Amino acid sequence: LHLPGFWGSLIMGLAGVALLGSIISGLAAHSRIWRDLFRLRLRGSDRKREADLHYRTGVWGIPVFAVIALTGAYLSFAPMLGSLVEPVFRDQASQSGSAPTPAEDSPERIAVPPVAEIIRQVERDNAPAKVSFVMLTSPGTPGQLLHVDTDVPRQMASGESYQFDAQGQPHGAVGYANGAVGLQIGVAMFPLHFGNFAGPPMRWIYFAIGLALCFLVATGMR
C-alpha cells in the first residue's frame, strides 16, 4: 500500500489475483465443501474444532472474499493498464453525453464561469446529492472546462461528474451512475472493495469479514 506507485500496485494486484485463485482452487480441492456446509464440531480435539471453524468461515465468506479479491486486483492493475482502458471509458463517456474534448489553450482571456452558482444549481437539480469535488481546467481561456463531481446516494457508483463549457453551459452527466454499463461497473469497484456503500451497517459487515479473513489465514497456517 505504501510502496512507490508501480510496485505497490503490482504487489497488491498480484495479492488480489492470488486470493481469487485460492478461492477457486479451494472450491475445487475440498470435495465435501457443500456437504459439510453446516457441520461444526465444537466438541472434541482443538484441531477438529479449528478445522471446522476454518472451513465454515472460508465457505460462508466466499462471496465477499471474492468481491474484495477481484476489485482489489482491478483497482491495482487499472492504473497500470490505463493506456488500454482509458479509450474504452472515454468512448463510453462520450456516448453518455459528457463534454467534448476541450480546445487547445489560447492567449485570449475570458471570464471564468460562475462556479459558486453552478455548484448550487447542481445540488438543487440532483438533491439529495452533494458536491464533493470541483475542477476548472485551462481557466480563463476559451478552452476552459468546469467539472463538478457529486456523491450518488443510494447507488453503487462512487460518484457522478457534471461538465460545463467555457460559458458555463451544461453538457450533462458523464454517466458514472446511469450511463454505459462498462462505465458504471468501473466506478463501482472502489465502493465494492472498501464497503463504502449502503451506510454504516455495510462498513460493520466488511469489518467482520476482514476479521474473518484474518482468522482464516491464521487457522490455515496452524
C-alpha atoms as a PDB file:
ATOM      1  CA  LEU A   1       0.000   0.000   0.000  1.00  0.00           C
ATOM      2  CA  HIS A   2       2.902   2.400   0.708  1.00  0.00           C
ATOM      3  CA  LEU A   3       5.432   1.322  -1.902  1.00  0.00           C
ATOM      4  CA  PRO A   4       6.104   3.522  -4.965  1.00  0.00           C
ATOM      5  CA  GLY A   5       3.134   3.556  -7.333  1.00  0.00           C
ATOM      6  CA  PHE A   6       4.108   0.877  -9.838  1.00  0.00           C
ATOM      7  CA  TRP A   7       5.492  -1.665  -7.334  1.00  0.00           C
ATOM      8  CA  GLY A   8       2.737  -1.086  -4.803  1.00  0.00           C
ATOM      9  CA  SER A   9       0.061  -1.576  -7.457  1.00  0.00           C
ATOM     10  CA  LEU A  10       1.811  -4.660  -8.829  1.00  0.00           C
ATOM     11  CA  ILE A  11       2.152  -6.393  -5.446  1.00  0.00           C
ATOM     12  CA  MET A  12      -1.388  -5.544  -4.315  1.00  0.00           C
ATOM     13  CA  GLY A  13      -2.808  -6.621  -7.680  1.00  0.00           C
ATOM     14  CA  LEU A  14      -0.960  -9.939  -7.550  1.00  0.00           C
ATOM     15  CA  ALA A  15      -2.191 -10.437  -3.973  1.00  0.00           C
ATOM     16  CA  GLY A  16      -5.773  -9.961  -5.204  1.00  0.00           C
ATOM     17  CA  VAL A  17      -5.217 -12.469  -8.006  1.00  0.00           C
ATOM     18  CA  ALA A  18      -3.645 -14.933  -5.544  1.00  0.00           C
ATOM     19  CA  LEU A  19      -6.613 -14.634  -3.171  1.00  0.00           C
ATOM     20  CA  LEU A  20      -9.041 -15.171  -6.047  1.00  0.00           C
ATOM     21  CA  GLY A  21      -7.012 -18.209  -7.135  1.00  0.00           C
ATOM     22  CA  SER A  22      -7.094 -19.567  -3.587  1.00  0.00           C
ATOM     23  CA  ILE A  23     -10.882 -19.291  -3.517  1.00  0.00           C
ATOM     24  CA  ILE A  24     -11.282 -21.105  -6.843  1.00  0.00           C
ATOM     25  CA  SER A  25      -8.755 -23.842  -6.029  1.00  0.00           C
ATOM     26  CA  GLY A  26     -10.258 -24.253  -2.541  1.00  0.00           C
ATOM     27  CA  LEU A  27     -13.681 -24.896  -4.043  1.00  0.00           C
ATOM     28  CA  ALA A  28     -12.157 -27.470  -6.384  1.00  0.00           C
ATOM     29  CA  ALA A  29      -9.939 -29.156  -3.777  1.00  0.00           C
ATOM     30  CA  HIS A  30     -12.480 -29.678  -0.983  1.00  0.00           C
ATOM     31  CA  SER A  31     -14.853 -32.265  -2.388  1.00  0.00           C
ATOM     32  CA  ARG A  32     -17.164 -32.208   0.658  1.00  0.00           C
ATOM     33  CA  ILE A  33     -17.305 -28.434   0.950  1.00  0.00           C
ATOM     34  CA  TRP A  34     -21.054 -28.141   0.280  1.00  0.00           C
ATOM     35  CA  ARG A  35     -21.993 -31.383   2.021  1.00  0.00           C
ATOM     36  CA  ASP A  36     -20.384 -30.138   5.253  1.00  0.00           C
ATOM     37  CA  LEU A  37     -21.719 -26.600   4.900  1.00  0.00           C
ATOM     38  CA  PHE A  38     -23.398 -26.681   8.331  1.00  0.00           C
ATOM     39  CA  ARG A  39     -21.051 -29.112  10.021  1.00  0.00           C
ATOM     40  CA  LEU A  40     -19.415 -27.657  13.139  1.00  0.00           C
ATOM     41  CA  ARG A  41     -17.771 -29.911  15.714  1.00  0.00           C
ATOM     42  CA  LEU A  42     -17.464 -27.735  18.813  1.00  0.00           C
ATOM     43  CA  ARG A  43     -16.574 -30.734  20.950  1.00  0.00           C
ATOM     44  CA  GLY A  44     -13.587 -32.959  20.542  1.00  0.00           C
ATOM     45  CA  SER A  45      -9.997 -32.022  19.828  1.00  0.00           C
ATOM     46  CA  ASP A  46      -8.886 -28.436  19.306  1.00  0.00           C
ATOM     47  CA  ARG A  47      -7.654 -29.381  15.843  1.00  0.00           C
ATOM     48  CA  LYS A  48     -11.053 -30.650  14.698  1.00  0.00           C
ATOM     49  CA  ARG A  49     -12.827 -27.612  16.143  1.00  0.00           C
ATOM     50  CA  GLU A  50     -10.424 -25.191  14.470  1.00  0.00           C
ATOM     51  CA  ALA A  51     -10.594 -27.126  11.208  1.00  0.00           C
ATOM     52  CA  ASP A  52     -14.390 -26.883  11.132  1.00  0.00           C
ATOM     53  CA  LEU A  53     -14.336 -23.174  12.001  1.00  0.00           C
ATOM     54  CA  HIS A  54     -11.727 -22.652   9.294  1.00  0.00           C
ATOM     55  CA  TYR A  55     -13.746 -24.448   6.606  1.00  0.00           C
ATOM     56  CA  ARG A  56     -17.086 -22.867   7.534  1.00  0.00           C
ATOM     57  CA  THR A  57     -15.570 -19.379   7.696  1.00  0.00           C
ATOM     58  CA  GLY A  58     -13.995 -19.906   4.290  1.00  0.00           C
ATOM     59  CA  VAL A  59     -17.166 -21.185   2.646  1.00  0.00           C
ATOM     60  CA  TRP A  60     -19.598 -18.650   4.100  1.00  0.00           C
ATOM     61  CA  GLY A  61     -17.254 -15.792   3.338  1.00  0.00           C
ATOM     62  CA  ILE A  62     -16.661 -16.764  -0.293  1.00  0.00           C
ATOM     63  CA  PRO A  63     -18.971 -14.115  -1.878  1.00  0.00           C
ATOM     64  CA  VAL A  64     -17.358 -11.173  -0.085  1.00  0.00           C
ATOM     65  CA  PHE A  65     -13.820 -12.609  -0.226  1.00  0.00           C
ATOM     66  CA  ALA A  66     -14.183 -12.989  -3.992  1.00  0.00           C
ATOM     67  CA  VAL A  67     -15.521  -9.443  -4.405  1.00  0.00           C
ATOM     68  CA  ILE A  68     -12.642  -7.980  -2.359  1.00  0.00           C
ATOM     69  CA  ALA A  69     -10.062 -10.001  -4.304  1.00  0.00           C
ATOM     70  CA  LEU A  70     -11.496  -9.177  -7.735  1.00  0.00           C
ATOM     71  CA  THR A  71     -12.000  -5.461  -7.069  1.00  0.00           C
ATOM     72  CA  GLY A  72      -8.597  -5.197  -5.372  1.00  0.00           C
ATOM     73  CA  ALA A  73      -6.891  -6.690  -8.412  1.00  0.00           C
ATOM     74  CA  TYR A  74      -8.850  -4.352 -10.701  1.00  0.00           C
ATOM     75  CA  LEU A  75      -8.053  -1.212  -8.689  1.00  0.00           C
ATOM     76  CA  SER A  76      -4.362  -2.166  -8.568  1.00  0.00           C
ATOM     77  CA  PHE A  77      -3.957  -3.046 -12.224  1.00  0.00           C
ATOM     78  CA  ALA A  78      -6.266  -0.396 -13.728  1.00  0.00           C
ATOM     79  CA  PRO A  79      -3.723   2.478 -13.345  1.00  0.00           C
ATOM     80  CA  MET A  80      -1.020   0.272 -14.872  1.00  0.00           C
ATOM     81  CA  LEU A  81      -3.305  -0.559 -17.804  1.00  0.00           C
ATOM     82  CA  GLY A  82      -4.653   2.970 -18.101  1.00  0.00           C
ATOM     83  CA  SER A  83      -3.500   3.429 -21.674  1.00  0.00           C
ATOM     84  CA  LEU A  84      -5.587   0.392 -22.675  1.00  0.00           C
ATOM     85  CA  VAL A  85      -8.642   1.095 -20.511  1.00  0.00           C
ATOM     86  CA  GLU A  86      -8.876   4.880 -20.920  1.00  0.00           C
ATOM     87  CA  PRO A  87     -10.019   4.875 -24.600  1.00  0.00           C
ATOM     88  CA  VAL A  88     -12.873   2.497 -23.709  1.00  0.00           C
ATOM     89  CA  PHE A  89     -14.073   4.700 -20.837  1.00  0.00           C
ATOM     90  CA  ARG A  90     -13.680   7.814 -22.982  1.00  0.00           C
ATOM     91  CA  ASP A  91     -15.854   6.329 -25.743  1.00  0.00           C
ATOM     92  CA  GLN A  92     -18.474   5.220 -23.200  1.00  0.00           C
ATOM     93  CA  ALA A  93     -18.451   8.647 -21.584  1.00  0.00           C
ATOM     94  CA  SER A  94     -18.947  10.371 -24.927  1.00  0.00           C
ATOM     95  CA  GLN A  95     -21.942   8.125 -25.601  1.00  0.00           C
ATOM     96  CA  SER A  96     -23.375   9.175 -22.224  1.00  0.00           C
ATOM     97  CA  GLY A  97     -23.405  12.871 -23.086  1.00  0.00           C
ATOM     98  CA  SER A  98     -20.255  14.200 -21.412  1.00  0.00           C
ATOM     99  CA  ALA A  99     -18.499  17.361 -22.550  1.00  0.00           C
ATOM    100  CA  PRO A 100     -16.365  17.335 -25.694  1.00  0.00           C
ATOM    101  CA  THR A 101     -12.580  17.426 -25.560  1.00  0.00           C
ATOM    102  CA  PRO A 102     -11.501  20.962 -24.573  1.00  0.00           C
ATOM    103  CA  ALA A 103      -9.987  23.174 -27.216  1.00  0.00           C
ATOM    104  CA  GLU A 104      -6.290  23.996 -27.084  1.00  0.00           C
ATOM    105  CA  ASP A 105      -5.310  26.863 -24.798  1.00  0.00           C
ATOM    106  CA  SER A 106      -5.428  30.308 -26.365  1.00  0.00           C
ATOM    107  CA  PRO A 107      -3.759  33.590 -25.366  1.00  0.00           C
ATOM    108  CA  GLU A 108      -7.235  35.143 -25.385  1.00  0.00           C
ATOM    109  CA  ARG A 109      -8.578  35.664 -21.857  1.00  0.00           C
ATOM    110  CA  ILE A 110     -12.222  35.252 -20.874  1.00  0.00           C
ATOM    111  CA  ALA A 111     -14.132  35.260 -17.600  1.00  0.00           C
ATOM    112  CA  VAL A 112     -14.409  32.052 -15.618  1.00  0.00           C
ATOM    113  CA  PRO A 113     -17.909  30.568 -15.230  1.00  0.00           C
ATOM    114  CA  PRO A 114     -19.907  31.401 -12.074  1.00  0.00           C
ATOM    115  CA  VAL A 115     -18.600  28.404 -10.149  1.00  0.00           C
ATOM    116  CA  ALA A 116     -20.488  29.007  -6.892  1.00  0.00           C
ATOM    117  CA  GLU A 117     -23.828  29.381  -8.668  1.00  0.00           C
ATOM    118  CA  ILE A 118     -23.177  26.265 -10.779  1.00  0.00           C
ATOM    119  CA  ILE A 119     -22.419  24.254  -7.627  1.00  0.00           C
ATOM    120  CA  ARG A 120     -25.681  25.378  -6.037  1.00  0.00           C
ATOM    121  CA  GLN A 121     -27.588  24.576  -9.244  1.00  0.00           C
ATOM    122  CA  VAL A 122     -26.073  21.070  -9.467  1.00  0.00           C
ATOM    123  CA  GLU A 123     -27.087  20.336  -5.884  1.00  0.00           C
ATOM    124  CA  ARG A 124     -30.606  21.684  -6.474  1.00  0.00           C
ATOM    125  CA  ASP A 125     -31.061  19.615  -9.632  1.00  0.00           C
ATOM    126  CA  ASN A 126     -29.656  16.408  -8.103  1.00  0.00           C
ATOM    127  CA  ALA A 127     -30.801  16.566  -4.470  1.00  0.00           C
ATOM    128  CA  PRO A 128     -30.006  14.902  -2.118  1.00  0.00           C
ATOM    129  CA  ALA A 129     -26.597  14.528  -3.796  1.00  0.00           C
ATOM    130  CA  LYS A 130     -23.874  16.856  -2.534  1.00  0.00           C
ATOM    131  CA  VAL A 131     -20.913  18.287  -4.461  1.00  0.00           C
ATOM    132  CA  SER A 132     -17.674  16.594  -3.401  1.00  0.00           C
ATOM    133  CA  PHE A 133     -15.090  17.871  -5.919  1.00  0.00           C
ATOM    134  CA  VAL A 134     -14.714  20.779  -8.346  1.00  0.00           C
ATOM    135  CA  MET A 135     -12.052  21.239 -11.034  1.00  0.00           C
ATOM    136  CA  LEU A 136     -11.618  24.018 -13.631  1.00  0.00           C
ATOM    137  CA  THR A 137      -9.216  23.162 -16.436  1.00  0.00           C
ATOM    138  CA  SER A 138      -7.465  25.835 -18.558  1.00  0.00           C
ATOM    139  CA  PRO A 139      -9.083  28.631 -16.508  1.00  0.00           C
ATOM    140  CA  GLY A 140      -9.591  31.984 -18.177  1.00  0.00           C
ATOM    141  CA  THR A 141      -9.179  30.622 -21.710  1.00  0.00           C
ATOM    142  CA  PRO A 142     -11.740  29.741 -24.419  1.00  0.00           C
ATOM    143  CA  GLY A 143     -10.936  26.064 -23.804  1.00  0.00           C
ATOM    144  CA  GLN A 144     -11.781  26.072 -20.111  1.00  0.00           C
ATOM    145  CA  LEU A 145     -13.965  23.274 -18.755  1.00  0.00           C
ATOM    146  CA  LEU A 146     -15.624  23.023 -15.347  1.00  0.00           C
ATOM    147  CA  HIS A 147     -16.038  19.586 -13.745  1.00  0.00           C
ATOM    148  CA  VAL A 148     -18.409  19.289 -10.779  1.00  0.00           C
ATOM    149  CA  ASP A 149     -18.490  15.899  -9.037  1.00  0.00           C
ATOM    150  CA  THR A 150     -21.155  14.757  -6.585  1.00  0.00           C
ATOM    151  CA  ASP A 151     -21.842  11.715  -4.482  1.00  0.00           C
ATOM    152  CA  VAL A 152     -24.663   9.397  -5.599  1.00  0.00           C
ATOM    153  CA  PRO A 153     -26.882   8.465  -2.636  1.00  0.00           C
ATOM    154  CA  ARG A 154     -28.469   5.017  -2.719  1.00  0.00           C
ATOM    155  CA  GLN A 155     -26.459   3.907  -5.772  1.00  0.00           C
ATOM    156  CA  MET A 156     -23.338   1.789  -6.136  1.00  0.00           C
ATOM    157  CA  ALA A 157     -21.384   4.371  -8.155  1.00  0.00           C
ATOM    158  CA  SER A 158     -18.675   6.210  -6.226  1.00  0.00           C
ATOM    159  CA  GLY A 159     -19.916   9.491  -7.709  1.00  0.00           C
ATOM    160  CA  GLU A 160     -21.196  11.386 -10.752  1.00  0.00           C
ATOM    161  CA  SER A 161     -19.470  14.129 -12.730  1.00  0.00           C
ATOM    162  CA  TYR A 162     -21.177  17.073 -14.457  1.00  0.00           C
ATOM    163  CA  GLN A 163     -19.295  19.140 -17.037  1.00  0.00           C
ATOM    164  CA  PHE A 164     -19.735  22.744 -18.183  1.00  0.00           C
ATOM    165  CA  ASP A 165     -18.172  24.566 -21.129  1.00  0.00           C
ATOM    166  CA  ALA A 166     -16.279  27.859 -21.210  1.00  0.00           C
ATOM    167  CA  GLN A 167     -19.510  29.867 -20.909  1.00  0.00           C
ATOM    168  CA  GLY A 168     -20.810  27.724 -18.043  1.00  0.00           C
ATOM    169  CA  GLN A 169     -23.352  25.881 -20.214  1.00  0.00           C
ATOM    170  CA  PRO A 170     -24.024  22.300 -19.052  1.00  0.00           C
ATOM    171  CA  HIS A 171     -23.026  19.272 -21.092  1.00  0.00           C
ATOM    172  CA  GLY A 172     -24.816  16.838 -18.794  1.00  0.00           C
ATOM    173  CA  ALA A 173     -23.558  13.994 -16.643  1.00  0.00           C
ATOM    174  CA  VAL A 174     -20.651  11.786 -17.681  1.00  0.00           C
ATOM    175  CA  GLY A 175     -22.764   8.705 -16.888  1.00  0.00           C
ATOM    176  CA  TYR A 176     -20.983   7.074 -13.959  1.00  0.00           C
ATOM    177  CA  ALA A 177     -24.328   6.442 -12.245  1.00  0.00           C
ATOM    178  CA  ASN A 178     -26.691   5.883 -15.210  1.00  0.00           C
ATOM    179  CA  GLY A 179     -24.501   5.671 -18.315  1.00  0.00           C
ATOM    180  CA  ALA A 180     -22.912   2.786 -20.219  1.00  0.00           C
ATOM    181  CA  VAL A 181     -22.759  -0.486 -18.282  1.00  0.00           C
ATOM    182  CA  GLY A 182     -18.973  -0.767 -18.531  1.00  0.00           C
ATOM    183  CA  LEU A 183     -18.559   2.740 -17.153  1.00  0.00           C
ATOM    184  CA  GLN A 184     -20.869   2.002 -14.214  1.00  0.00           C
ATOM    185  CA  ILE A 185     -19.005  -1.208 -13.405  1.00  0.00           C
ATOM    186  CA  GLY A 186     -15.655   0.590 -13.438  1.00  0.00           C
ATOM    187  CA  VAL A 187     -16.695   3.277 -10.949  1.00  0.00           C
ATOM    188  CA  ALA A 188     -18.446   0.737  -8.688  1.00  0.00           C
ATOM    189  CA  MET A 189     -15.178  -1.082  -7.994  1.00  0.00           C
ATOM    190  CA  PHE A 190     -13.982   1.343  -5.298  1.00  0.00           C
ATOM    191  CA  PRO A 191     -17.142   1.233  -3.124  1.00  0.00           C
ATOM    192  CA  LEU A 192     -17.367  -2.546  -3.561  1.00  0.00           C
ATOM    193  CA  HIS A 193     -13.768  -3.045  -2.447  1.00  0.00           C
ATOM    194  CA  PHE A 194     -13.959  -0.847   0.651  1.00  0.00           C
ATOM    195  CA  GLY A 195     -17.599  -1.414   1.613  1.00  0.00           C
ATOM    196  CA  ASN A 196     -18.253   2.282   1.055  1.00  0.00           C
ATOM    197  CA  PHE A 197     -21.935   1.870   0.191  1.00  0.00           C
ATOM    198  CA  ALA A 198     -25.236   1.201   1.981  1.00  0.00           C
ATOM    199  CA  GLY A 199     -24.174   3.216   5.011  1.00  0.00           C
ATOM    200  CA  PRO A 200     -22.565   2.227   8.343  1.00  0.00           C
ATOM    201  CA  PRO A 201     -24.137  -1.282   8.512  1.00  0.00           C
ATOM    202  CA  MET A 202     -22.171  -2.335   5.426  1.00  0.00           C
ATOM    203  CA  ARG A 203     -18.965  -0.949   6.973  1.00  0.00           C
ATOM    204  CA  TRP A 204     -19.508  -3.192  10.009  1.00  0.00           C
ATOM    205  CA  ILE A 205     -20.159  -6.188   7.750  1.00  0.00           C
ATOM    206  CA  TYR A 206     -16.899  -5.550   5.891  1.00  0.00           C
ATOM    207  CA  PHE A 207     -15.123  -5.132   9.227  1.00  0.00           C
ATOM    208  CA  ALA A 208     -16.395  -8.536  10.350  1.00  0.00           C
ATOM    209  CA  ILE A 209     -15.482 -10.100   7.009  1.00  0.00           C
ATOM    210  CA  GLY A 210     -11.968  -8.632   7.298  1.00  0.00           C
ATOM    211  CA  LEU A 211     -11.546 -10.222  10.735  1.00  0.00           C
ATOM    212  CA  ALA A 212     -12.900 -13.499   9.352  1.00  0.00           C
ATOM    213  CA  LEU A 213     -10.297 -13.454   6.569  1.00  0.00           C
ATOM    214  CA  CYS A 214      -7.535 -12.861   9.145  1.00  0.00           C
ATOM    215  CA  PHE A 215      -8.907 -15.799  11.166  1.00  0.00           C
ATOM    216  CA  LEU A 216      -8.964 -17.919   8.013  1.00  0.00           C
ATOM    217  CA  VAL A 217      -5.292 -17.229   7.299  1.00  0.00           C
ATOM    218  CA  ALA A 218      -4.239 -17.831  10.915  1.00  0.00           C
ATOM    219  CA  THR A 219      -6.115 -21.130  11.289  1.00  0.00           C
ATOM    220  CA  GLY A 220      -4.915 -22.249   7.856  1.00  0.00           C
ATOM    221  CA  MET A 221      -1.304 -21.741   8.951  1.00  0.00           C
ATOM    222  CA  ARG A 222      -1.943 -23.661  12.195  1.00  0.00           C
END
